Protein backbone atom coordinates (compact mmCIF):
# COMPACT_ATOMS: atom_id res chain seq x y z
CA UNK A 1 0.00 0.00 0.00
CA UNK A 2 1.48 3.41 -0.94
CA UNK A 3 2.36 5.72 1.91
CA UNK A 4 1.79 8.88 -0.11
CA UNK A 5 2.31 10.42 -3.47
CA UNK A 6 5.84 10.68 -4.84
CA UNK A 7 7.15 14.13 -5.67
CA UNK A 8 7.76 14.78 -9.34
CA UNK A 9 11.32 14.75 -10.59
CA UNK A 10 12.60 18.12 -11.75
CA UNK A 11 14.33 16.61 -14.77
CA UNK A 12 11.33 15.10 -16.57
CA UNK A 13 9.59 17.81 -18.61
CA UNK A 14 9.03 19.01 -22.16
CA UNK A 15 8.22 22.28 -23.92
CA UNK A 16 5.34 22.67 -26.37
CA UNK A 17 4.82 25.71 -28.58
CA UNK A 18 1.46 25.86 -30.38
CA UNK A 19 0.93 22.18 -29.59
CA UNK A 20 4.27 21.02 -31.05
CA UNK A 21 6.93 19.58 -28.73
CA UNK A 22 10.23 21.29 -29.49
CA UNK A 23 13.75 20.02 -28.80
CA UNK A 24 14.37 18.92 -25.26
CA UNK A 25 15.56 21.62 -22.92
CA UNK A 26 17.92 21.08 -20.04
CA UNK A 27 16.51 23.81 -17.83
CA UNK A 28 13.33 25.85 -17.43
CA UNK A 29 12.95 28.66 -14.91
CA UNK A 30 10.74 31.66 -14.30
CA UNK A 31 7.39 29.89 -14.00
CA UNK A 32 5.74 32.37 -11.67
CA UNK A 33 2.55 34.35 -11.18
CA UNK A 34 2.09 37.28 -8.85
CA UNK A 35 -0.65 39.69 -7.87
CA UNK A 36 0.55 43.13 -6.90
CA UNK A 37 -0.84 44.66 -3.73
CA UNK A 38 -2.74 47.91 -3.52
CA UNK A 39 -2.56 49.56 -0.10
CA UNK A 40 -5.65 51.59 0.72
CA UNK A 41 -5.82 53.78 3.81
CA UNK A 42 -9.18 54.57 5.32
CA UNK A 43 -10.60 55.77 8.58
CA UNK A 44 -13.28 53.85 10.49
CA UNK A 45 -16.46 55.61 11.68
CA UNK A 46 -14.75 55.90 15.08
CA UNK A 47 -11.80 57.74 13.54
CA UNK A 48 -9.28 54.87 13.69
CA UNK A 49 -6.90 54.59 10.74
CA UNK A 50 -7.02 51.27 8.89
CA UNK A 51 -4.76 49.93 6.16
CA UNK A 52 -6.52 47.62 3.73
CA UNK A 53 -4.65 45.53 1.20
CA UNK A 54 -6.39 44.79 -2.07
CA UNK A 55 -5.39 42.69 -5.07
CA UNK A 56 -3.92 44.68 -7.94
CA UNK A 57 -2.53 43.85 -11.35
CA UNK A 58 -1.39 40.36 -12.27
CA UNK A 59 2.24 39.85 -13.20
CA UNK A 60 3.94 36.84 -14.75
CA UNK A 61 7.63 36.01 -14.75
CA UNK A 62 9.48 35.55 -18.03
CA UNK A 63 10.14 31.91 -18.87
CA UNK A 64 13.83 31.12 -19.32
CA UNK A 65 14.80 28.07 -21.36
CA UNK A 66 18.23 26.48 -21.79
CA UNK A 67 19.18 23.68 -24.15
CA UNK A 68 22.20 22.24 -25.88
CA UNK A 69 22.70 24.04 -29.19
CA UNK A 70 21.83 21.96 -32.25
CA UNK A 71 21.63 22.83 -35.93
CA UNK A 72 18.01 24.00 -35.42
CA UNK A 73 17.47 27.73 -35.78
CA UNK A 74 13.81 27.67 -34.72
CA UNK A 75 14.30 30.00 -31.74
CA UNK A 76 16.32 32.48 -33.82
CA UNK A 77 13.67 32.43 -36.58
CA UNK A 78 10.98 33.09 -33.97
CA UNK A 79 13.01 36.02 -32.60
CA UNK A 80 13.45 37.37 -36.14
CA UNK A 81 9.67 37.69 -36.48
CA UNK A 82 9.68 39.97 -33.42
CA UNK A 83 12.65 41.97 -34.74
CA UNK A 84 10.82 42.52 -38.05
CA UNK A 85 7.70 43.78 -36.27
CA UNK A 86 5.61 40.68 -37.00
CA UNK A 87 4.46 40.49 -33.39
CA UNK A 88 1.03 39.04 -34.19
CA UNK A 89 2.71 36.13 -35.99
CA UNK A 90 5.28 35.79 -33.20
CA UNK A 91 2.77 35.49 -30.35
CA UNK A 92 2.31 31.82 -29.56
CA UNK A 93 0.70 29.78 -26.82
CA UNK A 94 2.72 27.07 -25.18
CA UNK A 95 3.16 24.72 -22.26
CA UNK A 96 5.77 23.36 -19.90
CA UNK A 97 4.66 19.75 -19.40
CA UNK A 98 5.63 17.72 -16.32
CA UNK A 99 5.88 13.91 -16.36
CA UNK A 100 5.96 11.17 -13.73
CA UNK A 101 8.45 8.31 -13.58
CA UNK A 102 6.40 6.25 -16.04
CA UNK A 103 6.30 9.05 -18.66
CA UNK A 104 2.70 9.92 -17.87
CA UNK A 105 1.74 13.59 -17.99
CA UNK A 106 1.23 14.89 -14.45
CA UNK A 107 0.90 18.62 -14.92
CA UNK A 108 1.15 21.48 -17.31
CA UNK A 109 1.88 25.20 -17.10
CA UNK A 110 0.19 26.92 -20.04
CA UNK A 111 1.35 30.35 -21.16
CA UNK A 112 -0.49 32.65 -23.55
CA UNK A 113 0.74 35.09 -26.20
CA UNK A 114 4.41 34.27 -25.63
CA UNK A 115 7.21 35.63 -27.77
CA UNK A 116 11.00 35.53 -27.46
CA UNK A 117 12.49 38.69 -25.99
CA UNK A 118 16.01 37.24 -25.98
CA UNK A 119 17.88 34.36 -27.62
CA UNK A 120 21.58 33.77 -26.95
CA UNK A 121 24.28 31.15 -26.96
CA UNK A 122 26.87 30.56 -24.27
CA UNK A 123 30.52 31.34 -24.60
CA UNK A 124 32.70 29.61 -27.14
CA UNK A 125 35.98 28.36 -25.67
CA UNK A 126 38.83 26.92 -27.72
CA UNK A 127 39.93 23.67 -26.14
CA UNK A 128 36.78 23.46 -24.03
CA UNK A 129 34.85 20.26 -23.45
CA UNK A 130 31.41 21.69 -22.63
CA UNK A 131 28.23 21.56 -24.69
CA UNK A 132 27.29 24.87 -26.30
CA UNK A 133 24.17 26.14 -24.50
CA UNK A 134 21.42 28.11 -26.20
CA UNK A 135 19.12 30.25 -24.06
CA UNK A 136 15.72 31.78 -24.79
CA UNK A 137 13.62 34.16 -22.71
CA UNK A 138 9.90 34.00 -23.45
CA UNK A 139 7.81 36.99 -22.43
CA UNK A 140 4.10 36.21 -22.15
CA UNK A 141 0.75 37.57 -21.03
CA UNK A 142 -0.55 34.81 -18.78
CA UNK A 143 0.33 31.58 -16.99
CA UNK A 144 -2.13 28.96 -15.76
CA UNK A 145 -1.77 25.51 -14.23
CA UNK A 146 -3.80 22.95 -16.15
């Protein structure tokens, strides 16, 4: 009999953009949602000052992706659309998909209207023995857990 649910491993995930799984990434960060706080001062009928805190605007962290560089230029092509002012074409919906130990989908973070605000590659070092890392920052307008 199981004692409890196992935690998900942080290494078993994939990235989907417009429903298509793209090359495996080695790291994803920035999955966050926040509601800013509005502080409102008022006075009670008895003249006592009160500070109320109300929910304000929603904010979402940029999603940062890292992967080993391959011969695929898909991220650079996507960034080029933004650089050329084709923002409507560049906006895409996507997901970070989490899997369990048996490769079953266990969760998904869906983002809306995402576009790359930065694409870069790591440093090139003569004589080095590291994999060249490509990074992409996706700016988006919403994040929801599905």
